Amino acid sequence: MHRVNTSWDTLKLVADPTRLRILALLLREELSVAEIQDILGMAQSRISSSLALLRSAELVSDRRDGKRAYYSLRAGLPAPTLALLRSATEAVAGQAELVADRAGLSRALARRRATQEEYFNLIAGRLGKNYCPGRSWEAIGHLALRLAPAIDIADLGAGEGLISQLLARRARQVWCIDSSPKMVEVGSALAEKNGLANLAYKLGDIEQVPLPDASVDLAILSQALHHAQHPEAAISEAFRILRPGGQLLVLDLKEHGFEKARELYADVWLGFTENALHAYLERAGFQAVEVVGVAREEQPPHFETLLASGRKPA
């Protein structure tokens, strides 16, 4: 493996326009090979060879998610190397190709969001009837057993808020956050119909939760994390809105290989390993982190559900 050890080596690598354009994109967002290819308008072979050189130089890293390969800037790059990459990309930021690349990146990210919003708007009002991976009463029961009465709760990525409809009957206040306008509309109507004045819906992203710091006692991410573009950002937001001593509960799919979940359920991630969830919570600052398997579906593809929990230091 060729490893870049000097700023001179790095400069020689980024002197190639294609590699520099790729780095400019990855400085902003993790992207799949297909997304990079679409943004740059180049053949996959050319993109792949450039990525291979950047990976062997340990400037970027890749991860597999089912059949897709995603690339991002390598975590923990030395400060001088990162500064050099930023300077190099900023120096050519005004070039027509780089301007077009940024516009292409915005379109790619918009397509990601639109795909998810289209799916959830489509099934709004039917979540209790339609099949949804990992949504089993067995798994939800494990979450419910850990709930305390008379507290303020944030249900992040709530959808219609089926869980929150139950929690609101005992909680002090429940906030349902969802990025689908239709879900918020349907959930609000349900809350009004059921006379739940302490159940409120807000349109928002779980990576930018529209709630103040330290405003809730319990945050829930129930089958929402695998729809997040940046799961760690969602976990960090949960930490932010929790009061000292507050708890986070995450119900989500264990890592699987059912590729059709992307198309059928607008999934971004094919679940998570126990180690990954544990690391997300610890890096966000949570203590007493636990991750356990709580359910396995009998029908193929046998989705398994993990329950992760952590407490914000008092």
C-alpha atoms as a PDB file:
ATOM      1  CA  MET A   1       0.000   0.000   0.000  1.00  0.00           C
ATOM      2  CA  HIS A   2       1.282   3.460  -0.891  1.00  0.00           C
ATOM      3  CA  ARG A   3       0.815   5.753   2.048  1.00  0.00           C
ATOM      4  CA  VAL A   4       1.063   9.525   1.844  1.00  0.00           C
ATOM      5  CA  ASN A   5       3.574  10.714   4.414  1.00  0.00           C
ATOM      6  CA  THR A   6       4.352  14.263   3.328  1.00  0.00           C
ATOM      7  CA  SER A   7       2.525  17.332   2.174  1.00  0.00           C
ATOM      8  CA  TRP A   8       4.528  17.016  -1.054  1.00  0.00           C
ATOM      9  CA  ASP A   9       3.023  13.590  -1.713  1.00  0.00           C
ATOM     10  CA  THR A  10      -0.447  14.936  -1.007  1.00  0.00           C
ATOM     11  CA  LEU A  11       0.068  17.858  -3.362  1.00  0.00           C
ATOM     12  CA  LYS A  12       1.095  15.485  -6.153  1.00  0.00           C
ATOM     13  CA  LEU A  13      -2.041  13.421  -5.593  1.00  0.00           C
ATOM     14  CA  VAL A  14      -4.455  16.367  -5.631  1.00  0.00           C
ATOM     15  CA  ALA A  15      -2.785  17.886  -8.679  1.00  0.00           C
ATOM     16  CA  ASP A  16      -5.055  15.634 -10.713  1.00  0.00           C
ATOM     17  CA  PRO A  17      -8.330  17.542 -11.397  1.00  0.00           C
ATOM     18  CA  THR A  18     -10.571  14.494 -11.015  1.00  0.00           C
ATOM     19  CA  ARG A  19      -9.113  13.528  -7.654  1.00  0.00           C
ATOM     20  CA  LEU A  20      -9.348  17.128  -6.459  1.00  0.00           C
ATOM     21  CA  ARG A  21     -13.005  17.359  -7.494  1.00  0.00           C
ATOM     22  CA  ILE A  22     -13.758  14.119  -5.637  1.00  0.00           C
ATOM     23  CA  LEU A  23     -12.031  15.394  -2.508  1.00  0.00           C
ATOM     24  CA  ALA A  24     -13.981  18.657  -2.713  1.00  0.00           C
ATOM     25  CA  LEU A  25     -17.209  16.627  -2.648  1.00  0.00           C
ATOM     26  CA  LEU A  26     -16.113  14.288   0.148  1.00  0.00           C
ATOM     27  CA  LEU A  27     -15.064  17.248   2.287  1.00  0.00           C
ATOM     28  CA  ARG A  28     -18.774  18.090   2.294  1.00  0.00           C
ATOM     29  CA  GLU A  29     -20.568  14.729   2.363  1.00  0.00           C
ATOM     30  CA  GLU A  30     -20.193  10.956   2.323  1.00  0.00           C
ATOM     31  CA  LEU A  31     -21.233   9.735  -1.122  1.00  0.00           C
ATOM     32  CA  SER A  32     -21.731   6.484  -2.981  1.00  0.00           C
ATOM     33  CA  VAL A  33     -19.710   5.706  -6.090  1.00  0.00           C
ATOM     34  CA  ALA A  34     -22.881   6.062  -8.166  1.00  0.00           C
ATOM     35  CA  GLU A  35     -23.581   9.509  -6.693  1.00  0.00           C
ATOM     36  CA  ILE A  36     -20.036  10.700  -7.401  1.00  0.00           C
ATOM     37  CA  GLN A  37     -20.264   9.348 -10.926  1.00  0.00           C
ATOM     38  CA  ASP A  38     -23.562  11.164 -11.484  1.00  0.00           C
ATOM     39  CA  ILE A  39     -22.273  14.465 -10.077  1.00  0.00           C
ATOM     40  CA  LEU A  40     -19.019  14.461 -12.056  1.00  0.00           C
ATOM     41  CA  GLY A  41     -20.540  12.974 -15.207  1.00  0.00           C
ATOM     42  CA  MET A  42     -17.650  10.559 -15.680  1.00  0.00           C
ATOM     43  CA  ALA A  43     -17.326   6.861 -16.354  1.00  0.00           C
ATOM     44  CA  GLN A  44     -17.354   4.642 -13.282  1.00  0.00           C
ATOM     45  CA  SER A  45     -13.950   3.172 -14.161  1.00  0.00           C
ATOM     46  CA  ARG A  46     -12.357   6.625 -14.000  1.00  0.00           C
ATOM     47  CA  ILE A  47     -14.081   7.424 -10.684  1.00  0.00           C
ATOM     48  CA  SER A  48     -13.145   4.057  -9.190  1.00  0.00           C
ATOM     49  CA  SER A  49      -9.475   4.332 -10.145  1.00  0.00           C
ATOM     50  CA  SER A  50      -9.247   7.807  -8.608  1.00  0.00           C
ATOM     51  CA  LEU A  51     -10.960   6.620  -5.433  1.00  0.00           C
ATOM     52  CA  ALA A  52      -8.610   3.636  -5.240  1.00  0.00           C
ATOM     53  CA  LEU A  53      -5.584   5.944  -5.306  1.00  0.00           C
ATOM     54  CA  LEU A  54      -7.060   8.223  -2.642  1.00  0.00           C
ATOM     55  CA  ARG A  55      -7.947   5.227  -0.486  1.00  0.00           C
ATOM     56  CA  SER A  56      -4.501   3.644  -0.784  1.00  0.00           C
ATOM     57  CA  ALA A  57      -3.044   7.019   0.195  1.00  0.00           C
ATOM     58  CA  GLU A  58      -5.325   6.936   3.253  1.00  0.00           C
ATOM     59  CA  LEU A  59      -6.972  10.221   2.391  1.00  0.00           C
ATOM     60  CA  VAL A  60     -10.424   8.652   2.053  1.00  0.00           C
ATOM     61  CA  SER A  61     -12.095   5.591   3.505  1.00  0.00           C
ATOM     62  CA  ASP A  62     -14.873   3.394   2.212  1.00  0.00           C
ATOM     63  CA  ARG A  63     -17.646   1.368   3.792  1.00  0.00           C
ATOM     64  CA  ARG A  64     -19.932  -1.278   2.363  1.00  0.00           C
ATOM     65  CA  ASP A  65     -23.668  -1.061   2.943  1.00  0.00           C
ATOM     66  CA  GLY A  66     -25.188  -4.048   1.218  1.00  0.00           C
ATOM     67  CA  LYS A  67     -24.120  -3.840  -2.409  1.00  0.00           C
ATOM     68  CA  ARG A  68     -23.297  -0.142  -2.252  1.00  0.00           C
ATOM     69  CA  ALA A  69     -19.903   1.378  -1.522  1.00  0.00           C
ATOM     70  CA  TYR A  70     -19.772   4.754   0.198  1.00  0.00           C
ATOM     71  CA  TYR A  71     -16.720   6.999   0.419  1.00  0.00           C
ATOM     72  CA  SER A  72     -15.852   9.742   2.885  1.00  0.00           C
ATOM     73  CA  LEU A  73     -12.835  11.699   3.988  1.00  0.00           C
ATOM     74  CA  ARG A  74     -10.812   9.499   6.335  1.00  0.00           C
ATOM     75  CA  ALA A  75     -11.510  10.246   9.972  1.00  0.00           C
ATOM     76  CA  GLY A  76      -8.571  11.498  12.000  1.00  0.00           C
ATOM     77  CA  LEU A  77      -6.544  12.980   9.148  1.00  0.00           C
ATOM     78  CA  PRO A  78      -3.555  14.944  10.481  1.00  0.00           C
ATOM     79  CA  ALA A  79      -4.373  18.642  10.820  1.00  0.00           C
ATOM     80  CA  PRO A  80      -1.747  19.741   8.246  1.00  0.00           C
ATOM     81  CA  THR A  81      -3.093  17.261   5.684  1.00  0.00           C
ATOM     82  CA  LEU A  82      -6.682  18.367   6.249  1.00  0.00           C
ATOM     83  CA  ALA A  83      -5.668  22.018   5.998  1.00  0.00           C
ATOM     84  CA  LEU A  84      -3.829  21.307   2.753  1.00  0.00           C
ATOM     85  CA  LEU A  85      -6.858  19.563   1.246  1.00  0.00           C
ATOM     86  CA  ARG A  86      -9.145  22.410   2.247  1.00  0.00           C
ATOM     87  CA  SER A  87      -6.751  24.992   0.831  1.00  0.00           C
ATOM     88  CA  ALA A  88      -6.381  23.108  -2.442  1.00  0.00           C
ATOM     89  CA  THR A  89     -10.145  22.762  -2.953  1.00  0.00           C
ATOM     90  CA  GLU A  90     -10.842  26.348  -1.896  1.00  0.00           C
ATOM     91  CA  ALA A  91      -8.228  27.620  -4.339  1.00  0.00           C
ATOM     92  CA  VAL A  92     -10.242  26.241  -7.269  1.00  0.00           C
ATOM     93  CA  ALA A  93     -13.715  26.634  -5.745  1.00  0.00           C
ATOM     94  CA  GLY A  94     -14.634  29.286  -8.297  1.00  0.00           C
ATOM     95  CA  GLN A  95     -13.824  27.110 -11.312  1.00  0.00           C
ATOM     96  CA  ALA A  96     -16.853  26.203 -13.434  1.00  0.00           C
ATOM     97  CA  GLU A  97     -16.426  22.466 -12.782  1.00  0.00           C
ATOM     98  CA  LEU A  98     -16.333  22.909  -9.009  1.00  0.00           C
ATOM     99  CA  VAL A  99     -19.350  25.223  -9.049  1.00  0.00           C
ATOM    100  CA  ALA A 100     -21.249  22.647 -11.110  1.00  0.00           C
ATOM    101  CA  ASP A 101     -20.131  19.889  -8.736  1.00  0.00           C
ATOM    102  CA  ARG A 102     -21.558  21.726  -5.722  1.00  0.00           C
ATOM    103  CA  ALA A 103     -24.859  22.176  -7.545  1.00  0.00           C
ATOM    104  CA  GLY A 104     -24.812  18.469  -8.426  1.00  0.00           C
ATOM    105  CA  LEU A 105     -24.150  17.569  -4.806  1.00  0.00           C
ATOM    106  CA  SER A 106     -27.122  19.671  -3.698  1.00  0.00           C
ATOM    107  CA  ARG A 107     -29.316  17.865  -6.221  1.00  0.00           C
ATOM    108  CA  ALA A 108     -28.051  14.452  -5.083  1.00  0.00           C
ATOM    109  CA  LEU A 109     -28.815  15.224  -1.444  1.00  0.00           C
ATOM    110  CA  ALA A 110     -32.205  16.648  -2.410  1.00  0.00           C
ATOM    111  CA  ARG A 111     -32.994  13.391  -4.231  1.00  0.00           C
ATOM    112  CA  ARG A 112     -32.126  11.431  -1.088  1.00  0.00           C
ATOM    113  CA  ARG A 113     -34.525  13.544   0.971  1.00  0.00           C
ATOM    114  CA  ALA A 114     -37.234  13.506  -1.697  1.00  0.00           C
ATOM    115  CA  THR A 115     -37.147   9.715  -1.967  1.00  0.00           C
ATOM    116  CA  GLN A 116     -37.725   9.374   1.749  1.00  0.00           C
ATOM    117  CA  GLU A 117     -40.355  12.093   1.948  1.00  0.00           C
ATOM    118  CA  GLU A 118     -42.244  10.608  -1.010  1.00  0.00           C
ATOM    119  CA  TYR A 119     -42.303   7.212   0.671  1.00  0.00           C
ATOM    120  CA  PHE A 120     -43.481   8.485   4.054  1.00  0.00           C
ATOM    121  CA  ASN A 121     -46.052  10.859   2.573  1.00  0.00           C
ATOM    122  CA  LEU A 122     -47.394   7.909   0.598  1.00  0.00           C
ATOM    123  CA  ILE A 123     -47.875   5.654   3.621  1.00  0.00           C
ATOM    124  CA  ALA A 124     -49.033   8.362   6.048  1.00  0.00           C
ATOM    125  CA  GLY A 125     -52.287   7.195   7.600  1.00  0.00           C
ATOM    126  CA  ARG A 126     -51.500   3.546   6.861  1.00  0.00           C
ATOM    127  CA  LEU A 127     -48.491   2.797   9.101  1.00  0.00           C
ATOM    128  CA  GLY A 128     -50.555   0.778  11.501  1.00  0.00           C
ATOM    129  CA  LYS A 129     -51.786  -1.381   8.629  1.00  0.00           C
ATOM    130  CA  ASN A 130     -48.789  -1.614   6.323  1.00  0.00           C
ATOM    131  CA  TYR A 131     -45.798  -3.820   6.988  1.00  0.00           C
ATOM    132  CA  CYS A 132     -42.710  -1.966   8.222  1.00  0.00           C
ATOM    133  CA  PRO A 133     -39.394  -3.746   8.948  1.00  0.00           C
ATOM    134  CA  GLY A 134     -38.670  -4.067  12.650  1.00  0.00           C
ATOM    135  CA  ARG A 135     -42.027  -2.668  13.751  1.00  0.00           C
ATOM    136  CA  SER A 136     -43.246  -5.447  16.021  1.00  0.00           C
ATOM    137  CA  TRP A 137     -45.277  -5.195  19.207  1.00  0.00           C
ATOM    138  CA  GLU A 138     -42.700  -7.430  20.855  1.00  0.00           C
ATOM    139  CA  ALA A 139     -39.960  -4.868  20.176  1.00  0.00           C
ATOM    140  CA  ILE A 140     -42.161  -1.901  21.077  1.00  0.00           C
ATOM    141  CA  GLY A 141     -43.099  -3.644  24.317  1.00  0.00           C
ATOM    142  CA  HIS A 142     -39.462  -3.723  25.378  1.00  0.00           C
ATOM    143  CA  LEU A 143     -39.253   0.011  24.820  1.00  0.00           C
ATOM    144  CA  ALA A 144     -42.501   0.713  26.675  1.00  0.00           C
ATOM    145  CA  LEU A 145     -41.313  -1.184  29.743  1.00  0.00           C
ATOM    146  CA  ARG A 146     -38.547   1.381  30.180  1.00  0.00           C
ATOM    147  CA  LEU A 147     -40.846   4.397  30.231  1.00  0.00           C
ATOM    148  CA  ALA A 148     -41.610   6.522  33.248  1.00  0.00           C
ATOM    149  CA  PRO A 149     -44.788   8.589  33.802  1.00  0.00           C
ATOM    150  CA  ALA A 150     -45.058  12.382  34.047  1.00  0.00           C
ATOM    151  CA  ILE A 151     -41.989  13.229  31.976  1.00  0.00           C
ATOM    152  CA  ASP A 152     -41.309  15.233  28.816  1.00  0.00           C
ATOM    153  CA  ILE A 153     -40.616  13.024  25.799  1.00  0.00           C
ATOM    154  CA  ALA A 154     -39.301  13.608  22.280  1.00  0.00           C
ATOM    155  CA  ASP A 155     -40.229  10.982  19.688  1.00  0.00           C
ATOM    156  CA  LEU A 156     -37.677  11.624  16.922  1.00  0.00           C
ATOM    157  CA  GLY A 157     -38.641  10.434  13.460  1.00  0.00           C
ATOM    158  CA  ALA A 158     -42.046   9.680  14.918  1.00  0.00           C
ATOM    159  CA  GLY A 159     -44.034   9.163  11.735  1.00  0.00           C
ATOM    160  CA  GLU A 160     -47.675   9.219  12.766  1.00  0.00           C
ATOM    161  CA  GLY A 161     -46.527   8.822  16.364  1.00  0.00           C
ATOM    162  CA  LEU A 162     -48.110   5.459  17.105  1.00  0.00           C
ATOM    163  CA  ILE A 163     -45.871   5.046  20.147  1.00  0.00           C
ATOM    164  CA  SER A 164     -46.401   8.626  21.256  1.00  0.00           C
ATOM    165  CA  GLN A 165     -50.164   8.252  21.029  1.00  0.00           C
ATOM    166  CA  LEU A 166     -49.797   5.714  23.835  1.00  0.00           C
ATOM    167  CA  LEU A 167     -47.141   7.575  25.816  1.00  0.00           C
ATOM    168  CA  ALA A 168     -49.106  10.821  25.850  1.00  0.00           C
ATOM    169  CA  ARG A 169     -51.758   9.223  28.021  1.00  0.00           C
ATOM    170  CA  ARG A 170     -49.287   9.201  30.906  1.00  0.00           C
ATOM    171  CA  ALA A 171     -46.490  11.626  30.015  1.00  0.00           C
ATOM    172  CA  ARG A 172     -46.449  15.339  30.844  1.00  0.00           C
ATOM    173  CA  GLN A 173     -45.608  16.398  27.281  1.00  0.00           C
ATOM    174  CA  VAL A 174     -44.728  14.488  24.120  1.00  0.00           C
ATOM    175  CA  TRP A 175     -43.117  16.089  21.076  1.00  0.00           C
ATOM    176  CA  CYS A 176     -43.256  14.198  17.781  1.00  0.00           C
ATOM    177  CA  ILE A 177     -40.639  15.267  15.251  1.00  0.00           C
ATOM    178  CA  ASP A 178     -40.869  14.138  11.633  1.00  0.00           C
ATOM    179  CA  SER A 179     -39.621  15.431   8.277  1.00  0.00           C
ATOM    180  CA  SER A 180     -42.736  14.384   6.338  1.00  0.00           C
ATOM    181  CA  PRO A 181     -45.405  17.125   6.192  1.00  0.00           C
ATOM    182  CA  LYS A 182     -48.068  14.501   5.583  1.00  0.00           C
ATOM    183  CA  MET A 183     -47.002  12.489   8.649  1.00  0.00           C
ATOM    184  CA  VAL A 184     -47.184  15.623  10.798  1.00  0.00           C
ATOM    185  CA  GLU A 185     -50.626  16.405   9.382  1.00  0.00           C
ATOM    186  CA  VAL A 186     -51.975  12.905   9.988  1.00  0.00           C
ATOM    187  CA  GLY A 187     -50.430  12.640  13.455  1.00  0.00           C
ATOM    188  CA  SER A 188     -51.767  16.025  14.540  1.00  0.00           C
ATOM    189  CA  ALA A 189     -55.244  15.022  13.413  1.00  0.00           C
ATOM    190  CA  LEU A 190     -54.983  11.784  15.403  1.00  0.00           C
ATOM    191  CA  ALA A 191     -53.870  13.655  18.511  1.00  0.00           C
ATOM    192  CA  GLU A 192     -56.803  16.037  18.210  1.00  0.00           C
ATOM    193  CA  LYS A 193     -59.226  13.208  17.555  1.00  0.00           C
ATOM    194  CA  ASN A 194     -58.007  11.357  20.664  1.00  0.00           C
ATOM    195  CA  GLY A 195     -58.088  14.480  22.821  1.00  0.00           C
ATOM    196  CA  LEU A 196     -54.348  14.433  23.541  1.00  0.00           C
ATOM    197  CA  ALA A 197     -53.595  18.076  24.235  1.00  0.00           C
ATOM    198  CA  ASN A 198     -50.111  17.209  25.512  1.00  0.00           C
ATOM    199  CA  LEU A 199     -49.106  15.581  22.210  1.00  0.00           C
ATOM    200  CA  ALA A 200     -47.646  18.028  19.704  1.00  0.00           C
ATOM    201  CA  TYR A 201     -46.137  17.492  16.258  1.00  0.00           C
ATOM    202  CA  LYS A 202     -43.311  19.515  14.744  1.00  0.00           C
ATOM    203  CA  LEU A 203     -41.972  19.365  11.205  1.00  0.00           C
ATOM    204  CA  GLY A 204     -38.226  18.877  11.416  1.00  0.00           C
ATOM    205  CA  ASP A 205     -35.182  16.728  10.787  1.00  0.00           C
ATOM    206  CA  ILE A 206     -33.867  14.354  13.441  1.00  0.00           C
ATOM    207  CA  GLU A 207     -30.393  15.688  12.635  1.00  0.00           C
ATOM    208  CA  GLN A 208     -31.564  19.253  13.440  1.00  0.00           C
ATOM    209  CA  VAL A 209     -34.276  18.783  16.037  1.00  0.00           C
ATOM    210  CA  PRO A 210     -36.494  21.880  16.470  1.00  0.00           C
ATOM    211  CA  LEU A 211     -36.406  21.699  20.279  1.00  0.00           C
ATOM    212  CA  PRO A 212     -34.309  23.682  22.783  1.00  0.00           C
ATOM    213  CA  ASP A 213     -31.276  22.327  24.607  1.00  0.00           C
ATOM    214  CA  ALA A 214     -32.026  20.260  27.735  1.00  0.00           C
ATOM    215  CA  SER A 215     -35.801  20.324  27.168  1.00  0.00           C
ATOM    216  CA  VAL A 216     -36.869  16.659  27.517  1.00  0.00           C
ATOM    217  CA  ASP A 217     -36.329  13.754  29.890  1.00  0.00           C
ATOM    218  CA  LEU A 218     -36.581  10.957  27.345  1.00  0.00           C
ATOM    219  CA  ALA A 219     -35.672  10.845  23.644  1.00  0.00           C
ATOM    220  CA  ILE A 220     -36.818   7.980  21.439  1.00  0.00           C
ATOM    221  CA  LEU A 221     -35.538   6.941  18.009  1.00  0.00           C
ATOM    222  CA  SER A 222     -37.835   4.084  17.034  1.00  0.00           C
ATOM    223  CA  GLN A 223     -37.006   2.616  13.608  1.00  0.00           C
ATOM    224  CA  ALA A 224     -35.886   6.093  12.541  1.00  0.00           C
ATOM    225  CA  LEU A 225     -32.095   5.935  12.676  1.00  0.00           C
ATOM    226  CA  HIS A 226     -31.726   3.821   9.530  1.00  0.00           C
ATOM    227  CA  HIS A 227     -33.511   6.616   7.632  1.00  0.00           C
ATOM    228  CA  ALA A 228     -31.015   9.265   8.793  1.00  0.00           C
ATOM    229  CA  GLN A 229     -28.334  10.491   6.405  1.00  0.00           C
ATOM    230  CA  HIS A 230     -25.970  10.895   9.366  1.00  0.00           C
ATOM    231  CA  PRO A 231     -26.963   8.605  12.259  1.00  0.00           C
ATOM    232  CA  GLU A 232     -24.312   9.997  14.592  1.00  0.00           C
ATOM    233  CA  ALA A 233     -25.685  13.506  14.082  1.00  0.00           C
ATOM    234  CA  ALA A 234     -29.148  12.277  15.100  1.00  0.00           C
ATOM    235  CA  ILE A 235     -27.716  10.669  18.245  1.00  0.00           C
ATOM    236  CA  SER A 236     -25.855  13.887  19.091  1.00  0.00           C
ATOM    237  CA  GLU A 237     -29.049  15.899  18.656  1.00  0.00           C
ATOM    238  CA  ALA A 238     -30.830  13.552  21.054  1.00  0.00           C
ATOM    239  CA  PHE A 239     -28.035  14.171  23.570  1.00  0.00           C
ATOM    240  CA  ARG A 240     -28.403  17.937  23.119  1.00  0.00           C
ATOM    241  CA  ILE A 241     -32.137  18.095  23.817  1.00  0.00           C
ATOM    242  CA  LEU A 242     -31.976  15.782  26.839  1.00  0.00           C
ATOM    243  CA  ARG A 243     -31.810  17.198  30.338  1.00  0.00           C
ATOM    244  CA  PRO A 244     -28.971  16.013  32.600  1.00  0.00           C
ATOM    245  CA  GLY A 245     -29.838  12.488  33.678  1.00  0.00           C
ATOM    246  CA  GLY A 246     -32.167  12.057  30.688  1.00  0.00           C
ATOM    247  CA  GLN A 247     -32.314   8.832  28.718  1.00  0.00           C
ATOM    248  CA  LEU A 248     -32.134   7.891  25.049  1.00  0.00           C
ATOM    249  CA  LEU A 249     -33.808   4.762  23.712  1.00  0.00           C
ATOM    250  CA  VAL A 250     -33.080   3.540  20.184  1.00  0.00           C
ATOM    251  CA  LEU A 251     -35.040   0.755  18.525  1.00  0.00           C
ATOM    252  CA  ASP A 252     -33.613  -0.105  15.139  1.00  0.00           C
ATOM    253  CA  LEU A 253     -32.794  -2.891  12.741  1.00  0.00           C
ATOM    254  CA  LYS A 254     -29.746  -5.038  13.208  1.00  0.00           C
ATOM    255  CA  GLU A 255     -27.431  -4.986  10.189  1.00  0.00           C
ATOM    256  CA  HIS A 256     -28.881  -7.068   7.354  1.00  0.00           C
ATOM    257  CA  GLY A 257     -28.427  -7.659   3.641  1.00  0.00           C
ATOM    258  CA  PHE A 258     -31.953  -7.120   2.337  1.00  0.00           C
ATOM    259  CA  GLU A 259     -31.142  -4.633  -0.443  1.00  0.00           C
ATOM    260  CA  LYS A 260     -34.771  -4.166  -1.479  1.00  0.00           C
ATOM    261  CA  ALA A 261     -35.383  -2.312   1.791  1.00  0.00           C
ATOM    262  CA  ARG A 262     -33.966   0.792   0.105  1.00  0.00           C
ATOM    263  CA  GLU A 263     -36.636   0.716  -2.570  1.00  0.00           C
ATOM    264  CA  LEU A 264     -39.502  -0.695  -0.508  1.00  0.00           C
ATOM    265  CA  TYR A 265     -39.081   1.329   2.683  1.00  0.00           C
ATOM    266  CA  ALA A 266     -36.809   4.261   1.699  1.00  0.00           C
ATOM    267  CA  ASP A 267     -34.090   2.936   4.001  1.00  0.00           C
ATOM    268  CA  VAL A 268     -30.725   4.701   3.866  1.00  0.00           C
ATOM    269  CA  TRP A 269     -28.849   2.216   6.077  1.00  0.00           C
ATOM    270  CA  LEU A 270     -29.265  -1.550   6.087  1.00  0.00           C
ATOM    271  CA  GLY A 271     -29.414  -1.640   9.860  1.00  0.00           C
ATOM    272  CA  PHE A 272     -26.551  -1.357  12.342  1.00  0.00           C
ATOM    273  CA  THR A 273     -24.265  -3.664  14.249  1.00  0.00           C
ATOM    274  CA  GLU A 274     -24.396  -3.698  18.033  1.00  0.00           C
ATOM    275  CA  ASN A 275     -20.872  -2.287  18.114  1.00  0.00           C
ATOM    276  CA  ALA A 276     -21.790   0.594  15.812  1.00  0.00           C
ATOM    277  CA  LEU A 277     -24.760   1.667  17.934  1.00  0.00           C
ATOM    278  CA  HIS A 278     -22.693   1.351  21.095  1.00  0.00           C
ATOM    279  CA  ALA A 279     -19.991   3.573  19.568  1.00  0.00           C
ATOM    280  CA  TYR A 280     -22.502   6.189  18.357  1.00  0.00           C
ATOM    281  CA  LEU A 281     -23.934   6.633  21.850  1.00  0.00           C
ATOM    282  CA  GLU A 282     -20.585   6.685  23.606  1.00  0.00           C
ATOM    283  CA  ARG A 283     -19.105   9.237  21.207  1.00  0.00           C
ATOM    284  CA  ALA A 284     -22.140  11.477  21.729  1.00  0.00           C
ATOM    285  CA  GLY A 285     -21.416  11.479  25.474  1.00  0.00           C
ATOM    286  CA  PHE A 286     -23.920   8.953  26.802  1.00  0.00           C
ATOM    287  CA  GLN A 287     -23.068   6.823  29.819  1.00  0.00           C
ATOM    288  CA  ALA A 288     -24.298   3.385  30.920  1.00  0.00           C
ATOM    289  CA  VAL A 289     -24.719   2.428  27.257  1.00  0.00           C
ATOM    290  CA  GLU A 290     -26.372  -0.927  26.540  1.00  0.00           C
ATOM    291  CA  VAL A 291     -27.271  -2.566  23.233  1.00  0.00           C
ATOM    292  CA  VAL A 292     -29.281  -5.799  23.162  1.00  0.00           C
ATOM    293  CA  GLY A 293     -31.232  -7.810  20.618  1.00  0.00           C
ATOM    294  CA  VAL A 294     -34.942  -7.815  21.438  1.00  0.00           C
ATOM    295  CA  ALA A 295     -36.753  -9.390  18.491  1.00  0.00           C
ATOM    296  CA  ARG A 296     -36.330 -11.504  15.364  1.00  0.00           C
ATOM    297  CA  GLU A 297     -39.034 -11.805  12.741  1.00  0.00           C
ATOM    298  CA  GLU A 298     -40.113 -15.303  11.745  1.00  0.00           C
ATOM    299  CA  GLN A 299     -40.702 -14.480   8.096  1.00  0.00           C
ATOM    300  CA  PRO A 300     -37.848 -13.879   5.609  1.00  0.00           C
ATOM    301  CA  PRO A 301     -35.690 -11.838   5.518  1.00  0.00           C
ATOM    302  CA  HIS A 302     -35.861 -12.322   9.303  1.00  0.00           C
ATOM    303  CA  PHE A 303     -35.268  -8.720  10.353  1.00  0.00           C
ATOM    304  CA  GLU A 304     -33.783  -8.439  13.825  1.00  0.00           C
ATOM    305  CA  THR A 305     -34.320  -5.488  16.136  1.00  0.00           C
ATOM    306  CA  LEU A 306     -31.798  -3.965  18.535  1.00  0.00           C
ATOM    307  CA  LEU A 307     -32.575  -1.820  21.568  1.00  0.00           C
ATOM    308  CA  ALA A 308     -29.868   0.655  22.546  1.00  0.00           C
ATOM    309  CA  SER A 309     -30.039   2.854  25.606  1.00  0.00           C
ATOM    310  CA  GLY A 310     -27.855   5.450  27.262  1.00  0.00           C
ATOM    311  CA  ARG A 311     -28.082   8.149  29.913  1.00  0.00           C
ATOM    312  CA  LYS A 312     -26.873  11.735  29.728  1.00  0.00           C
ATOM    313  CA  PRO A 313     -24.564  12.538  32.660  1.00  0.00           C
ATOM    314  CA  ALA A 314     -26.371  14.322  35.493  1.00  0.00           C
END
